Amino acid sequence: MRQVRRISIVVAAGLAATWLTGCAGDVKTEFEKLDAKEFEVVYEVTGSGVQTITYEDGAKGETSSKDVDAPELPWKKKATMKGIATAPNVSLMLGEKGGQADCVIYVNGKEAKRATAKGEFGTATCVAVSPAGKDS
C-alpha cells in the first residue's frame, strides 16, 4: 500500500512538472490549429410541402442560425465553416398539407447526414460532425 502511494505521488509530481514547464502549451497550440481548420458544407433539401428550412451558416468564420420560409425546392446552400466544435445542421418542417422531403448535409463533398420528413407538420433534422479533428 505504501509503495502505491509513493508511485501515485511521483506520477502526480511528474504530471505537474510537465504542465508547469510548458508542455500543456503544446496541447493548446494543437487545439488552436484544429479549431482554425476550414471545411465546406453543402445543405440540400428536396421533395414537396416544405414550409420552413433552418440551417447553420458559416459566413465570415462565424456561425449563425438562418431561416428560409416557403423555400423553392430543390433548395441548396453552400457554407464555409471552421472549427473542431462546429456542427453543421439543417432541419425542415412540412406544412399542414403534409408532403415528403429530404434534408442532406455534404461535408467536403461527402454525404455526412440524411433525414426524411413525411406527413402533416413532419420534421427532419440533419446534424454532422466537424471534420477538423480527423486526418485529412
N, C-alpha and C. Protein backbone atom coordinates (compact mmCIF):
# COMPACT_ATOMS: atom_id res chain seq x y z
N MET A 1 0.83 -1.20 0.00
CA MET A 1 0.00 0.00 0.00
C MET A 1 0.87 1.25 0.00
N ARG A 2 1.93 1.21 0.80
CA ARG A 2 2.83 2.35 0.89
C ARG A 2 3.51 2.63 -0.45
N GLN A 3 3.87 1.56 -1.16
CA GLN A 3 4.52 1.71 -2.46
C GLN A 3 3.57 2.32 -3.48
N VAL A 4 2.29 1.96 -3.43
CA VAL A 4 1.29 2.53 -4.34
C VAL A 4 1.17 4.03 -4.12
N ARG A 5 1.18 4.46 -2.86
CA ARG A 5 1.12 5.91 -2.57
C ARG A 5 2.32 6.64 -3.13
N ARG A 6 3.51 6.05 -2.96
CA ARG A 6 4.73 6.69 -3.48
C ARG A 6 4.65 6.83 -4.99
N ILE A 7 4.21 5.77 -5.65
CA ILE A 7 4.11 5.81 -7.12
C ILE A 7 3.09 6.88 -7.53
N SER A 8 1.96 6.95 -6.85
CA SER A 8 0.94 7.96 -7.16
C SER A 8 1.48 9.36 -6.99
N ILE A 9 2.25 9.58 -5.92
CA ILE A 9 2.82 10.91 -5.68
C ILE A 9 3.84 11.26 -6.76
N VAL A 10 4.67 10.29 -7.15
CA VAL A 10 5.68 10.54 -8.19
C VAL A 10 5.00 10.85 -9.52
N VAL A 11 3.95 10.09 -9.87
CA VAL A 11 3.22 10.33 -11.12
C VAL A 11 2.58 11.71 -11.10
N ALA A 12 1.93 12.05 -10.00
CA ALA A 12 1.29 13.38 -9.89
C ALA A 12 2.32 14.49 -10.01
N ALA A 13 3.46 14.32 -9.38
CA ALA A 13 4.52 15.33 -9.45
C ALA A 13 5.04 15.46 -10.88
N GLY A 14 5.17 14.33 -11.56
CA GLY A 14 5.64 14.36 -12.95
C GLY A 14 4.65 15.07 -13.86
N LEU A 15 3.38 14.81 -13.66
CA LEU A 15 2.36 15.49 -14.47
C LEU A 15 2.36 17.00 -14.19
N ALA A 16 2.49 17.36 -12.93
CA ALA A 16 2.54 18.78 -12.58
C ALA A 16 3.75 19.45 -13.20
N ALA A 17 4.90 18.78 -13.15
CA ALA A 17 6.11 19.36 -13.74
C ALA A 17 5.97 19.53 -15.24
N THR A 18 5.37 18.55 -15.88
CA THR A 18 5.14 18.64 -17.33
C THR A 18 4.27 19.83 -17.66
N TRP A 19 3.21 19.99 -16.90
CA TRP A 19 2.30 21.11 -17.15
C TRP A 19 2.98 22.44 -16.89
N LEU A 20 3.73 22.53 -15.81
CA LEU A 20 4.37 23.79 -15.45
C LEU A 20 5.50 24.16 -16.39
N THR A 21 6.13 23.19 -17.04
CA THR A 21 7.24 23.50 -17.94
C THR A 21 6.79 23.88 -19.34
N GLY A 22 5.50 23.90 -19.56
CA GLY A 22 5.02 24.41 -20.85
C GLY A 22 4.55 23.37 -21.82
N CYS A 23 4.62 22.11 -21.48
CA CYS A 23 4.13 21.10 -22.41
C CYS A 23 2.62 21.21 -22.61
N ALA A 24 1.92 21.75 -21.65
CA ALA A 24 0.48 21.97 -21.80
C ALA A 24 0.21 22.97 -22.91
N GLY A 25 1.14 23.88 -23.15
CA GLY A 25 1.01 24.84 -24.24
C GLY A 25 0.95 24.15 -25.58
N ASP A 26 1.64 23.01 -25.73
CA ASP A 26 1.59 22.26 -26.98
C ASP A 26 0.18 21.77 -27.25
N VAL A 27 -0.52 21.35 -26.20
CA VAL A 27 -1.88 20.88 -26.35
C VAL A 27 -2.77 22.03 -26.81
N LYS A 28 -2.59 23.20 -26.21
CA LYS A 28 -3.38 24.37 -26.59
C LYS A 28 -3.10 24.75 -28.04
N THR A 29 -1.84 24.74 -28.44
CA THR A 29 -1.47 25.08 -29.80
C THR A 29 -2.10 24.11 -30.79
N GLU A 30 -2.08 22.82 -30.46
CA GLU A 30 -2.67 21.81 -31.34
C GLU A 30 -4.18 22.04 -31.47
N PHE A 31 -4.84 22.34 -30.37
CA PHE A 31 -6.28 22.62 -30.41
C PHE A 31 -6.55 23.84 -31.28
N GLU A 32 -5.74 24.88 -31.14
CA GLU A 32 -5.93 26.10 -31.94
C GLU A 32 -5.79 25.79 -33.43
N LYS A 33 -4.85 24.90 -33.79
CA LYS A 33 -4.68 24.51 -35.19
C LYS A 33 -5.94 23.80 -35.70
N LEU A 34 -6.44 22.87 -34.90
CA LEU A 34 -7.64 22.13 -35.29
C LEU A 34 -8.84 23.06 -35.39
N ASP A 35 -8.93 24.01 -34.46
CA ASP A 35 -10.07 24.92 -34.43
C ASP A 35 -10.05 25.90 -35.60
N ALA A 36 -8.90 26.08 -36.23
CA ALA A 36 -8.79 27.01 -37.35
C ALA A 36 -9.04 26.32 -38.70
N LYS A 37 -9.13 24.99 -38.72
CA LYS A 37 -9.33 24.26 -39.97
C LYS A 37 -10.69 24.58 -40.58
N GLU A 38 -10.68 24.95 -41.86
CA GLU A 38 -11.92 25.24 -42.57
C GLU A 38 -12.39 24.02 -43.34
N PHE A 39 -13.70 23.93 -43.54
CA PHE A 39 -14.28 22.86 -44.33
C PHE A 39 -15.53 23.38 -45.03
N GLU A 40 -15.85 22.73 -46.16
CA GLU A 40 -17.00 23.16 -46.95
C GLU A 40 -18.23 22.31 -46.61
N VAL A 41 -19.35 22.97 -46.46
CA VAL A 41 -20.62 22.32 -46.17
C VAL A 41 -21.62 22.68 -47.27
N VAL A 42 -22.37 21.69 -47.73
CA VAL A 42 -23.47 21.93 -48.67
C VAL A 42 -24.71 21.32 -48.05
N TYR A 43 -25.73 22.16 -47.90
CA TYR A 43 -27.04 21.70 -47.43
C TYR A 43 -27.94 21.56 -48.64
N GLU A 44 -28.78 20.52 -48.62
CA GLU A 44 -29.68 20.31 -49.73
C GLU A 44 -31.03 19.82 -49.18
N VAL A 45 -32.11 20.39 -49.69
CA VAL A 45 -33.46 19.96 -49.32
C VAL A 45 -34.23 19.72 -50.62
N THR A 46 -34.82 18.53 -50.73
CA THR A 46 -35.61 18.17 -51.92
C THR A 46 -36.94 17.59 -51.46
N GLY A 47 -37.90 17.58 -52.35
CA GLY A 47 -39.20 16.99 -52.03
C GLY A 47 -40.31 18.00 -52.25
N SER A 48 -41.37 17.89 -51.40
CA SER A 48 -42.51 18.80 -51.53
C SER A 48 -43.12 19.08 -50.16
N GLY A 49 -43.82 20.22 -50.09
CA GLY A 49 -44.55 20.57 -48.87
C GLY A 49 -43.74 21.24 -47.78
N VAL A 50 -42.50 21.67 -48.07
CA VAL A 50 -41.65 22.27 -47.04
C VAL A 50 -42.12 23.69 -46.73
N GLN A 51 -42.38 23.93 -45.46
CA GLN A 51 -42.81 25.25 -45.00
C GLN A 51 -41.61 26.09 -44.57
N THR A 52 -40.67 25.48 -43.83
CA THR A 52 -39.52 26.22 -43.30
C THR A 52 -38.26 25.36 -43.30
N ILE A 53 -37.14 25.98 -43.64
CA ILE A 53 -35.82 25.36 -43.52
C ILE A 53 -35.02 26.21 -42.55
N THR A 54 -34.34 25.57 -41.62
CA THR A 54 -33.44 26.26 -40.70
C THR A 54 -32.07 25.61 -40.84
N TYR A 55 -31.02 26.46 -40.96
CA TYR A 55 -29.67 25.91 -41.14
C TYR A 55 -28.65 26.78 -40.42
N GLU A 56 -27.48 26.19 -40.19
CA GLU A 56 -26.36 26.90 -39.56
C GLU A 56 -25.48 27.44 -40.68
N ASP A 57 -25.27 28.76 -40.69
CA ASP A 57 -24.46 29.42 -41.72
C ASP A 57 -23.07 29.67 -41.16
N GLY A 58 -22.08 29.68 -42.03
CA GLY A 58 -20.70 29.88 -41.58
C GLY A 58 -20.07 31.14 -42.14
N ALA A 59 -20.86 32.14 -42.47
CA ALA A 59 -20.33 33.36 -43.06
C ALA A 59 -19.31 34.05 -42.16
N LYS A 60 -18.22 34.51 -42.74
CA LYS A 60 -17.16 35.26 -42.05
C LYS A 60 -16.57 34.50 -40.87
N GLY A 61 -16.56 33.17 -40.94
CA GLY A 61 -15.97 32.36 -39.89
C GLY A 61 -16.82 32.25 -38.64
N GLU A 62 -17.98 32.88 -38.64
CA GLU A 62 -18.90 32.82 -37.50
C GLU A 62 -20.06 31.91 -37.88
N THR A 63 -20.67 31.30 -36.89
CA THR A 63 -21.85 30.50 -37.19
C THR A 63 -23.09 31.20 -36.65
N SER A 64 -24.16 31.13 -37.43
CA SER A 64 -25.43 31.71 -37.01
C SER A 64 -26.56 30.94 -37.68
N SER A 65 -27.66 30.86 -37.00
CA SER A 65 -28.82 30.14 -37.50
C SER A 65 -29.62 31.04 -38.44
N LYS A 66 -30.04 30.47 -39.56
CA LYS A 66 -30.83 31.20 -40.55
C LYS A 66 -32.10 30.41 -40.87
N ASP A 67 -33.17 31.13 -41.20
CA ASP A 67 -34.44 30.51 -41.59
C ASP A 67 -34.79 30.89 -43.01
N VAL A 68 -35.40 29.96 -43.72
CA VAL A 68 -35.92 30.21 -45.06
C VAL A 68 -37.38 29.76 -45.04
N ASP A 69 -38.30 30.70 -45.20
CA ASP A 69 -39.73 30.39 -45.22
C ASP A 69 -40.20 30.16 -46.64
N ALA A 70 -41.07 29.18 -46.82
CA ALA A 70 -41.65 28.83 -48.12
C ALA A 70 -40.56 28.73 -49.20
N PRO A 71 -39.56 27.87 -48.99
CA PRO A 71 -38.46 27.79 -49.96
C PRO A 71 -38.88 27.15 -51.27
N GLU A 72 -38.23 27.58 -52.33
CA GLU A 72 -38.43 26.94 -53.62
C GLU A 72 -37.54 25.70 -53.64
N LEU A 73 -38.13 24.55 -53.97
CA LEU A 73 -37.39 23.29 -53.97
C LEU A 73 -37.06 22.85 -55.38
N PRO A 74 -35.95 22.20 -55.62
CA PRO A 74 -34.92 21.85 -54.65
C PRO A 74 -34.17 23.09 -54.16
N TRP A 75 -33.75 23.04 -52.90
CA TRP A 75 -33.04 24.15 -52.25
C TRP A 75 -31.63 23.68 -51.91
N LYS A 76 -30.66 24.59 -52.09
CA LYS A 76 -29.27 24.25 -51.80
C LYS A 76 -28.56 25.48 -51.25
N LYS A 77 -27.68 25.27 -50.28
CA LYS A 77 -26.90 26.36 -49.69
C LYS A 77 -25.49 25.85 -49.39
N LYS A 78 -24.49 26.62 -49.83
CA LYS A 78 -23.09 26.29 -49.53
C LYS A 78 -22.60 27.20 -48.41
N ALA A 79 -21.74 26.66 -47.56
CA ALA A 79 -21.17 27.45 -46.48
C ALA A 79 -19.75 26.95 -46.21
N THR A 80 -18.88 27.87 -45.84
CA THR A 80 -17.54 27.50 -45.38
C THR A 80 -17.55 27.68 -43.88
N MET A 81 -17.20 26.61 -43.18
CA MET A 81 -17.20 26.64 -41.72
C MET A 81 -15.80 26.30 -41.23
N LYS A 82 -15.58 26.56 -39.95
CA LYS A 82 -14.30 26.17 -39.38
C LYS A 82 -14.49 25.79 -37.92
N GLY A 83 -13.54 25.02 -37.44
CA GLY A 83 -13.55 24.69 -36.02
C GLY A 83 -13.90 23.26 -35.72
N ILE A 84 -13.26 22.76 -34.70
CA ILE A 84 -13.47 21.39 -34.28
C ILE A 84 -14.82 21.20 -33.58
N ALA A 85 -15.36 22.26 -33.00
CA ALA A 85 -16.62 22.16 -32.26
C ALA A 85 -17.83 22.58 -33.09
N THR A 86 -17.62 22.95 -34.34
CA THR A 86 -18.72 23.38 -35.21
C THR A 86 -19.51 22.16 -35.69
N ALA A 87 -20.81 22.24 -35.60
CA ALA A 87 -21.68 21.14 -36.03
C ALA A 87 -22.64 21.64 -37.10
N PRO A 88 -22.33 21.41 -38.38
CA PRO A 88 -23.26 21.81 -39.43
C PRO A 88 -24.61 21.14 -39.22
N ASN A 89 -25.69 21.90 -39.38
CA ASN A 89 -27.01 21.31 -39.22
C ASN A 89 -28.04 22.02 -40.07
N VAL A 90 -29.02 21.22 -40.49
CA VAL A 90 -30.14 21.73 -41.28
C VAL A 90 -31.39 20.95 -40.85
N SER A 91 -32.50 21.66 -40.75
CA SER A 91 -33.76 21.00 -40.43
C SER A 91 -34.86 21.58 -41.30
N LEU A 92 -35.92 20.80 -41.45
CA LEU A 92 -37.05 21.27 -42.24
C LEU A 92 -38.34 20.89 -41.55
N MET A 93 -39.37 21.69 -41.83
CA MET A 93 -40.70 21.39 -41.32
C MET A 93 -41.69 21.48 -42.48
N LEU A 94 -42.50 20.45 -42.60
CA LEU A 94 -43.54 20.44 -43.62
C LEU A 94 -44.74 21.25 -43.14
N GLY A 95 -45.58 21.65 -44.08
CA GLY A 95 -46.77 22.43 -43.75
C GLY A 95 -47.95 21.56 -43.36
N GLU A 96 -49.11 22.20 -43.17
CA GLU A 96 -50.31 21.48 -42.72
C GLU A 96 -50.85 20.52 -43.77
N LYS A 97 -50.51 20.74 -45.03
CA LYS A 97 -50.96 19.81 -46.09
C LYS A 97 -50.03 18.60 -46.21
N GLY A 98 -48.96 18.62 -45.45
CA GLY A 98 -48.02 17.49 -45.46
C GLY A 98 -47.14 17.48 -46.69
N GLY A 99 -46.63 16.31 -47.01
CA GLY A 99 -45.71 16.13 -48.12
C GLY A 99 -44.63 15.16 -47.71
N GLN A 100 -43.53 15.18 -48.44
CA GLN A 100 -42.37 14.37 -48.10
C GLN A 100 -41.14 15.10 -48.60
N ALA A 101 -40.15 15.23 -47.74
CA ALA A 101 -38.94 15.95 -48.12
C ALA A 101 -37.72 15.35 -47.41
N ASP A 102 -36.58 15.49 -48.05
CA ASP A 102 -35.30 15.03 -47.51
C ASP A 102 -34.38 16.20 -47.26
N CYS A 103 -33.61 16.14 -46.17
CA CYS A 103 -32.51 17.07 -45.97
C CYS A 103 -31.23 16.25 -46.01
N VAL A 104 -30.18 16.84 -46.59
CA VAL A 104 -28.89 16.17 -46.71
C VAL A 104 -27.80 17.18 -46.39
N ILE A 105 -26.74 16.73 -45.70
CA ILE A 105 -25.56 17.55 -45.47
C ILE A 105 -24.37 16.85 -46.13
N TYR A 106 -23.64 17.61 -46.95
CA TYR A 106 -22.39 17.13 -47.53
C TYR A 106 -21.27 17.92 -46.86
N VAL A 107 -20.25 17.23 -46.38
CA VAL A 107 -19.08 17.87 -45.78
C VAL A 107 -17.88 17.50 -46.63
N ASN A 108 -17.22 18.54 -47.16
CA ASN A 108 -16.07 18.34 -48.06
C ASN A 108 -16.40 17.37 -49.18
N GLY A 109 -17.61 17.50 -49.74
CA GLY A 109 -18.01 16.72 -50.90
C GLY A 109 -18.57 15.33 -50.59
N LYS A 110 -18.57 14.91 -49.33
CA LYS A 110 -19.07 13.59 -48.98
C LYS A 110 -20.35 13.70 -48.16
N GLU A 111 -21.32 12.83 -48.46
CA GLU A 111 -22.56 12.85 -47.70
C GLU A 111 -22.27 12.50 -46.25
N ALA A 112 -22.71 13.39 -45.34
CA ALA A 112 -22.46 13.18 -43.91
C ALA A 112 -23.73 12.77 -43.16
N LYS A 113 -24.89 13.33 -43.55
CA LYS A 113 -26.16 13.01 -42.89
C LYS A 113 -27.31 13.16 -43.87
N ARG A 114 -28.37 12.37 -43.62
CA ARG A 114 -29.59 12.44 -44.44
C ARG A 114 -30.77 12.09 -43.54
N ALA A 115 -31.89 12.80 -43.74
CA ALA A 115 -33.11 12.50 -42.98
C ALA A 115 -34.32 12.82 -43.85
N THR A 116 -35.47 12.20 -43.53
CA THR A 116 -36.69 12.38 -44.30
C THR A 116 -37.84 12.78 -43.38
N ALA A 117 -38.67 13.71 -43.86
CA ALA A 117 -39.89 14.13 -43.16
C ALA A 117 -41.08 13.71 -44.01
N LYS A 118 -42.17 13.27 -43.34
CA LYS A 118 -43.39 12.86 -44.03
C LYS A 118 -44.61 13.34 -43.25
N GLY A 119 -45.68 13.64 -43.98
CA GLY A 119 -46.97 13.93 -43.36
C GLY A 119 -47.14 15.36 -42.87
N GLU A 120 -48.31 15.61 -42.27
CA GLU A 120 -48.64 16.95 -41.77
C GLU A 120 -47.62 17.39 -40.71
N PHE A 121 -47.07 18.56 -40.90
CA PHE A 121 -46.11 19.16 -39.99
C PHE A 121 -44.93 18.24 -39.66
N GLY A 122 -44.62 17.33 -40.57
CA GLY A 122 -43.47 16.44 -40.38
C GLY A 122 -42.17 17.23 -40.31
N THR A 123 -41.21 16.69 -39.58
CA THR A 123 -39.91 17.37 -39.45
C THR A 123 -38.78 16.39 -39.72
N ALA A 124 -37.66 16.93 -40.14
CA ALA A 124 -36.44 16.16 -40.33
C ALA A 124 -35.27 17.06 -39.93
N THR A 125 -34.28 16.47 -39.28
CA THR A 125 -33.10 17.22 -38.84
C THR A 125 -31.85 16.43 -39.17
N CYS A 126 -30.87 17.12 -39.74
CA CYS A 126 -29.56 16.53 -40.01
C CYS A 126 -28.51 17.32 -39.25
N VAL A 127 -27.63 16.61 -38.54
CA VAL A 127 -26.51 17.23 -37.83
C VAL A 127 -25.26 16.44 -38.17
N ALA A 128 -24.23 17.11 -38.63
CA ALA A 128 -22.98 16.45 -38.99
C ALA A 128 -21.86 16.84 -38.01
N VAL A 129 -20.82 16.05 -38.01
CA VAL A 129 -19.67 16.28 -37.14
C VAL A 129 -18.61 17.03 -37.94
N SER A 130 -17.95 17.97 -37.29
CA SER A 130 -16.86 18.69 -37.93
C SER A 130 -15.73 17.73 -38.28
N PRO A 131 -15.17 17.85 -39.48
CA PRO A 131 -14.05 17.00 -39.84
C PRO A 131 -12.70 17.55 -39.35
N ALA A 132 -12.72 18.66 -38.64
CA ALA A 132 -11.48 19.34 -38.24
C ALA A 132 -10.56 18.45 -37.41
N GLY A 133 -11.10 17.55 -36.63
CA GLY A 133 -10.27 16.69 -35.79
C GLY A 133 -9.78 15.44 -36.48
N LYS A 134 -10.26 15.20 -37.71
CA LYS A 134 -9.88 14.00 -38.45
C LYS A 134 -8.68 14.31 -39.30
N ASP A 135 -7.89 13.28 -39.60
CA ASP A 135 -6.76 13.44 -40.51
C ASP A 135 -7.30 13.65 -41.92
N SER A 136 -6.76 14.64 -42.60
CA SER A 136 -7.23 14.93 -43.95
C SER A 136 -6.38 14.24 -44.98
